[in-house]
Amino acid sequence: MIDQRHKLVWFVPEEALDATRDAVFSAGAGRIGDYERCSWYTAGTGTFLGGEGTEPTIGRAGREERTPELRVETVVPGDRVEGVIAALIAAHPYEEVAYDLYVLA
């Protein structure tokens, strides 16, 4: 039986790209066969509106913000998911980290 793998996707400002990649790779993500630190990323624009009591890293609460971000993708073995997500959250500069986790067929 093949171990279940996942695709982890997160959104991050460019200046935090290397810190978040290093964190998830150190926690066990990014391996495909004999290759390590495998990921893919592309640029886009993130939008958000922080509510009362938030402390956005970029912009300010109560105002809709638009900011350049990178969408980053990597693979995660099923037995490493919890540790990888914890590492991502610890390394990420945002108050609330936006990420998606997909089970791969």
N, C-alpha and C. Protein backbone atom coordinates (compact mmCIF):
# COMPACT_ATOMS: atom_id res chain seq x y z
N MET A 1 0.85 -1.20 0.00
CA MET A 1 0.00 0.00 0.00
C MET A 1 0.88 1.24 0.00
N ILE A 2 0.53 2.21 -0.81
CA ILE A 2 1.27 3.46 -0.90
C ILE A 2 0.78 4.39 0.20
N ASP A 3 1.71 5.04 0.91
CA ASP A 3 1.33 6.00 1.94
C ASP A 3 0.57 7.16 1.30
N GLN A 4 -0.45 7.64 2.00
CA GLN A 4 -1.25 8.77 1.52
C GLN A 4 -0.41 10.03 1.49
N ARG A 5 -0.44 10.74 0.37
CA ARG A 5 0.26 12.02 0.27
C ARG A 5 -0.75 13.14 0.12
N HIS A 6 -0.31 14.33 0.49
CA HIS A 6 -1.13 15.53 0.42
C HIS A 6 -0.41 16.61 -0.35
N LYS A 7 -1.18 17.55 -0.86
CA LYS A 7 -0.63 18.77 -1.45
C LYS A 7 -0.96 19.91 -0.50
N LEU A 8 0.07 20.61 -0.05
CA LEU A 8 -0.09 21.77 0.81
C LEU A 8 0.12 23.02 -0.02
N VAL A 9 -0.81 23.95 0.07
CA VAL A 9 -0.74 25.23 -0.64
C VAL A 9 -0.86 26.33 0.40
N TRP A 10 0.04 27.33 0.31
CA TRP A 10 -0.08 28.48 1.21
C TRP A 10 0.23 29.76 0.48
N PHE A 11 -0.15 30.87 1.09
CA PHE A 11 -0.03 32.19 0.49
C PHE A 11 0.83 33.04 1.41
N VAL A 12 1.85 33.69 0.84
CA VAL A 12 2.86 34.34 1.67
C VAL A 12 3.46 35.54 0.94
N PRO A 13 3.83 36.60 1.66
CA PRO A 13 4.56 37.69 1.00
C PRO A 13 5.94 37.19 0.58
N GLU A 14 6.46 37.75 -0.50
CA GLU A 14 7.73 37.27 -1.06
C GLU A 14 8.87 37.23 -0.04
N GLU A 15 8.92 38.21 0.85
CA GLU A 15 10.03 38.26 1.80
C GLU A 15 10.00 37.12 2.81
N ALA A 16 8.88 36.41 2.93
CA ALA A 16 8.78 35.27 3.84
C ALA A 16 8.79 33.93 3.12
N LEU A 17 9.01 33.94 1.81
CA LEU A 17 9.01 32.70 1.02
C LEU A 17 10.03 31.71 1.55
N ASP A 18 11.28 32.11 1.66
CA ASP A 18 12.34 31.17 2.05
C ASP A 18 12.14 30.65 3.47
N ALA A 19 11.71 31.50 4.39
CA ALA A 19 11.49 31.06 5.78
C ALA A 19 10.39 30.00 5.85
N THR A 20 9.30 30.19 5.11
CA THR A 20 8.22 29.21 5.16
C THR A 20 8.61 27.93 4.44
N ARG A 21 9.28 28.04 3.31
CA ARG A 21 9.75 26.83 2.62
C ARG A 21 10.72 26.05 3.49
N ASP A 22 11.70 26.75 4.09
CA ASP A 22 12.65 26.06 4.96
C ASP A 22 11.94 25.33 6.09
N ALA A 23 10.93 25.96 6.68
CA ALA A 23 10.20 25.36 7.80
C ALA A 23 9.47 24.09 7.38
N VAL A 24 8.72 24.13 6.29
CA VAL A 24 7.96 22.94 5.89
C VAL A 24 8.88 21.83 5.40
N PHE A 25 9.97 22.20 4.74
CA PHE A 25 10.92 21.17 4.30
C PHE A 25 11.60 20.51 5.49
N SER A 26 11.97 21.28 6.49
CA SER A 26 12.60 20.73 7.70
C SER A 26 11.65 19.79 8.45
N ALA A 27 10.34 20.03 8.30
CA ALA A 27 9.34 19.20 8.97
C ALA A 27 8.96 17.97 8.16
N GLY A 28 9.53 17.80 6.97
CA GLY A 28 9.31 16.58 6.20
C GLY A 28 8.56 16.72 4.90
N ALA A 29 8.23 17.93 4.47
CA ALA A 29 7.52 18.13 3.20
C ALA A 29 8.52 18.26 2.05
N GLY A 30 8.01 18.18 0.83
CA GLY A 30 8.80 18.50 -0.35
C GLY A 30 9.63 17.39 -0.95
N ARG A 31 9.38 16.15 -0.58
CA ARG A 31 10.14 15.03 -1.16
C ARG A 31 9.32 14.35 -2.25
N ILE A 32 9.96 14.21 -3.42
CA ILE A 32 9.38 13.45 -4.51
C ILE A 32 10.46 12.51 -5.00
N GLY A 33 10.30 11.22 -4.73
CA GLY A 33 11.33 10.25 -5.08
C GLY A 33 12.65 10.60 -4.41
N ASP A 34 13.71 10.70 -5.19
CA ASP A 34 15.03 11.04 -4.66
C ASP A 34 15.30 12.54 -4.64
N TYR A 35 14.27 13.34 -4.85
CA TYR A 35 14.42 14.79 -4.85
C TYR A 35 13.87 15.38 -3.56
N GLU A 36 14.53 16.41 -3.06
CA GLU A 36 14.10 17.11 -1.85
C GLU A 36 13.82 18.57 -2.17
N ARG A 37 13.12 19.24 -1.24
CA ARG A 37 12.83 20.67 -1.34
C ARG A 37 12.07 21.00 -2.64
N CYS A 38 11.19 20.10 -3.04
CA CYS A 38 10.40 20.31 -4.25
C CYS A 38 9.20 21.21 -3.92
N SER A 39 9.03 22.24 -4.70
CA SER A 39 7.88 23.12 -4.55
C SER A 39 7.64 23.85 -5.85
N TRP A 40 6.54 24.56 -5.89
CA TRP A 40 6.20 25.40 -7.04
C TRP A 40 5.55 26.64 -6.49
N TYR A 41 5.85 27.79 -7.08
CA TYR A 41 5.18 29.01 -6.63
C TYR A 41 5.00 29.97 -7.78
N THR A 42 3.99 30.83 -7.59
CA THR A 42 3.66 31.84 -8.58
C THR A 42 3.11 33.07 -7.87
N ALA A 43 3.19 34.21 -8.53
CA ALA A 43 2.74 35.47 -7.93
C ALA A 43 1.26 35.72 -8.17
N GLY A 44 0.66 36.43 -7.24
CA GLY A 44 -0.74 36.82 -7.36
C GLY A 44 -1.03 37.96 -6.39
N THR A 45 -2.28 38.27 -6.22
CA THR A 45 -2.68 39.34 -5.31
C THR A 45 -3.64 38.78 -4.27
N GLY A 46 -3.28 38.96 -3.00
CA GLY A 46 -4.15 38.55 -1.91
C GLY A 46 -5.00 39.74 -1.47
N THR A 47 -6.22 39.46 -1.05
CA THR A 47 -7.10 40.51 -0.52
C THR A 47 -7.64 40.08 0.83
N PHE A 48 -7.88 41.04 1.70
CA PHE A 48 -8.45 40.74 3.01
C PHE A 48 -8.96 42.02 3.65
N LEU A 49 -9.84 41.84 4.61
CA LEU A 49 -10.37 42.93 5.41
C LEU A 49 -10.33 42.48 6.86
N GLY A 50 -9.40 43.02 7.63
CA GLY A 50 -9.27 42.64 9.03
C GLY A 50 -10.39 43.25 9.86
N GLY A 51 -11.01 42.43 10.69
CA GLY A 51 -12.09 42.89 11.55
C GLY A 51 -11.57 43.57 12.81
N GLU A 52 -12.48 43.98 13.65
CA GLU A 52 -12.14 44.64 14.90
C GLU A 52 -11.27 43.72 15.75
N GLY A 53 -10.20 44.27 16.29
CA GLY A 53 -9.30 43.49 17.13
C GLY A 53 -8.18 42.77 16.39
N THR A 54 -8.18 42.84 15.05
CA THR A 54 -7.09 42.19 14.30
C THR A 54 -5.88 43.11 14.23
N GLU A 55 -4.75 42.52 13.97
CA GLU A 55 -3.50 43.27 13.80
C GLU A 55 -2.81 42.77 12.54
N PRO A 56 -3.28 43.18 11.37
CA PRO A 56 -2.71 42.69 10.12
C PRO A 56 -1.22 43.02 9.99
N THR A 57 -0.47 42.09 9.43
CA THR A 57 0.95 42.30 9.16
C THR A 57 1.12 43.39 8.10
N ILE A 58 0.18 43.42 7.16
CA ILE A 58 0.20 44.39 6.07
C ILE A 58 -1.10 45.19 6.14
N GLY A 59 -1.02 46.50 6.05
CA GLY A 59 -2.21 47.34 6.07
C GLY A 59 -2.73 47.54 7.48
N ARG A 60 -4.05 47.78 7.57
CA ARG A 60 -4.63 48.00 8.89
C ARG A 60 -6.05 47.43 8.96
N ALA A 61 -6.49 47.15 10.17
CA ALA A 61 -7.83 46.60 10.39
C ALA A 61 -8.88 47.61 9.92
N GLY A 62 -10.00 47.09 9.42
CA GLY A 62 -11.10 47.94 9.01
C GLY A 62 -11.00 48.48 7.61
N ARG A 63 -9.96 48.10 6.88
CA ARG A 63 -9.78 48.57 5.51
C ARG A 63 -9.42 47.37 4.63
N GLU A 64 -10.12 47.25 3.50
CA GLU A 64 -9.77 46.15 2.59
C GLU A 64 -8.39 46.41 2.01
N GLU A 65 -7.56 45.39 2.08
CA GLU A 65 -6.19 45.49 1.58
C GLU A 65 -6.01 44.57 0.38
N ARG A 66 -5.12 44.98 -0.50
CA ARG A 66 -4.67 44.17 -1.64
C ARG A 66 -3.15 44.16 -1.57
N THR A 67 -2.58 42.97 -1.59
CA THR A 67 -1.13 42.89 -1.43
C THR A 67 -0.54 41.79 -2.30
N PRO A 68 0.64 42.01 -2.86
CA PRO A 68 1.29 40.95 -3.64
C PRO A 68 1.65 39.77 -2.73
N GLU A 69 1.34 38.59 -3.19
CA GLU A 69 1.67 37.37 -2.46
C GLU A 69 2.13 36.31 -3.43
N LEU A 70 2.74 35.28 -2.87
CA LEU A 70 3.10 34.10 -3.65
C LEU A 70 2.21 32.94 -3.19
N ARG A 71 1.75 32.16 -4.14
CA ARG A 71 1.06 30.90 -3.86
C ARG A 71 2.12 29.82 -3.97
N VAL A 72 2.31 29.06 -2.90
CA VAL A 72 3.36 28.05 -2.85
C VAL A 72 2.71 26.68 -2.68
N GLU A 73 3.22 25.69 -3.41
CA GLU A 73 2.70 24.33 -3.32
C GLU A 73 3.83 23.35 -3.09
N THR A 74 3.55 22.33 -2.29
CA THR A 74 4.50 21.24 -2.09
C THR A 74 3.73 19.99 -1.67
N VAL A 75 4.39 18.85 -1.66
CA VAL A 75 3.77 17.60 -1.24
C VAL A 75 4.18 17.28 0.20
N VAL A 76 3.26 16.59 0.88
CA VAL A 76 3.48 16.24 2.29
C VAL A 76 3.06 14.78 2.51
N PRO A 77 3.93 13.95 3.08
CA PRO A 77 3.50 12.59 3.43
C PRO A 77 2.43 12.65 4.51
N GLY A 78 1.48 11.73 4.47
CA GLY A 78 0.37 11.73 5.41
C GLY A 78 0.79 11.75 6.86
N ASP A 79 1.88 11.06 7.19
CA ASP A 79 2.31 11.01 8.59
C ASP A 79 3.05 12.26 9.04
N ARG A 80 3.24 13.22 8.14
CA ARG A 80 3.94 14.46 8.49
C ARG A 80 3.05 15.70 8.44
N VAL A 81 1.79 15.53 8.12
CA VAL A 81 0.89 16.67 7.91
C VAL A 81 0.84 17.60 9.12
N GLU A 82 0.58 17.06 10.30
CA GLU A 82 0.42 17.91 11.47
C GLU A 82 1.69 18.71 11.77
N GLY A 83 2.84 18.06 11.72
CA GLY A 83 4.10 18.75 11.99
C GLY A 83 4.44 19.79 10.95
N VAL A 84 4.14 19.49 9.68
CA VAL A 84 4.42 20.43 8.59
C VAL A 84 3.54 21.68 8.73
N ILE A 85 2.26 21.49 9.00
CA ILE A 85 1.37 22.65 9.16
C ILE A 85 1.78 23.48 10.37
N ALA A 86 2.14 22.82 11.47
CA ALA A 86 2.61 23.56 12.65
C ALA A 86 3.85 24.37 12.33
N ALA A 87 4.77 23.79 11.55
CA ALA A 87 6.00 24.50 11.16
C ALA A 87 5.68 25.69 10.27
N LEU A 88 4.74 25.51 9.33
CA LEU A 88 4.33 26.61 8.46
C LEU A 88 3.76 27.76 9.28
N ILE A 89 2.86 27.46 10.17
CA ILE A 89 2.22 28.50 10.98
C ILE A 89 3.25 29.24 11.85
N ALA A 90 4.19 28.50 12.41
CA ALA A 90 5.23 29.11 13.25
C ALA A 90 6.14 30.04 12.46
N ALA A 91 6.41 29.71 11.20
CA ALA A 91 7.34 30.49 10.38
C ALA A 91 6.68 31.62 9.61
N HIS A 92 5.36 31.60 9.52
CA HIS A 92 4.64 32.55 8.67
C HIS A 92 4.42 33.88 9.41
N PRO A 93 4.55 35.01 8.71
CA PRO A 93 4.41 36.31 9.37
C PRO A 93 2.97 36.75 9.63
N TYR A 94 1.99 36.11 9.02
CA TYR A 94 0.61 36.57 9.15
C TYR A 94 -0.03 36.11 10.45
N GLU A 95 -0.95 36.93 10.95
CA GLU A 95 -1.73 36.61 12.14
C GLU A 95 -2.60 35.37 11.90
N GLU A 96 -3.20 35.28 10.73
CA GLU A 96 -3.99 34.12 10.30
C GLU A 96 -3.37 33.62 9.01
N VAL A 97 -2.90 32.38 9.02
CA VAL A 97 -2.23 31.81 7.84
C VAL A 97 -3.26 31.16 6.94
N ALA A 98 -3.31 31.59 5.68
CA ALA A 98 -4.21 30.99 4.69
C ALA A 98 -3.49 29.83 4.03
N TYR A 99 -4.03 28.63 4.18
CA TYR A 99 -3.44 27.47 3.51
C TYR A 99 -4.55 26.48 3.16
N ASP A 100 -4.26 25.62 2.17
CA ASP A 100 -5.15 24.56 1.76
C ASP A 100 -4.38 23.25 1.83
N LEU A 101 -5.08 22.16 2.16
CA LEU A 101 -4.48 20.85 2.22
C LEU A 101 -5.38 19.90 1.44
N TYR A 102 -4.83 19.27 0.40
CA TYR A 102 -5.58 18.37 -0.47
C TYR A 102 -5.01 16.96 -0.37
N VAL A 103 -5.87 15.97 -0.32
CA VAL A 103 -5.44 14.58 -0.40
C VAL A 103 -5.18 14.27 -1.86
N LEU A 104 -4.03 13.65 -2.15
CA LEU A 104 -3.68 13.31 -3.52
C LEU A 104 -4.13 11.88 -3.84
N ALA A 105 -4.63 11.69 -5.05
CA ALA A 105 -5.08 10.36 -5.47
C ALA A 105 -3.89 9.54 -5.92
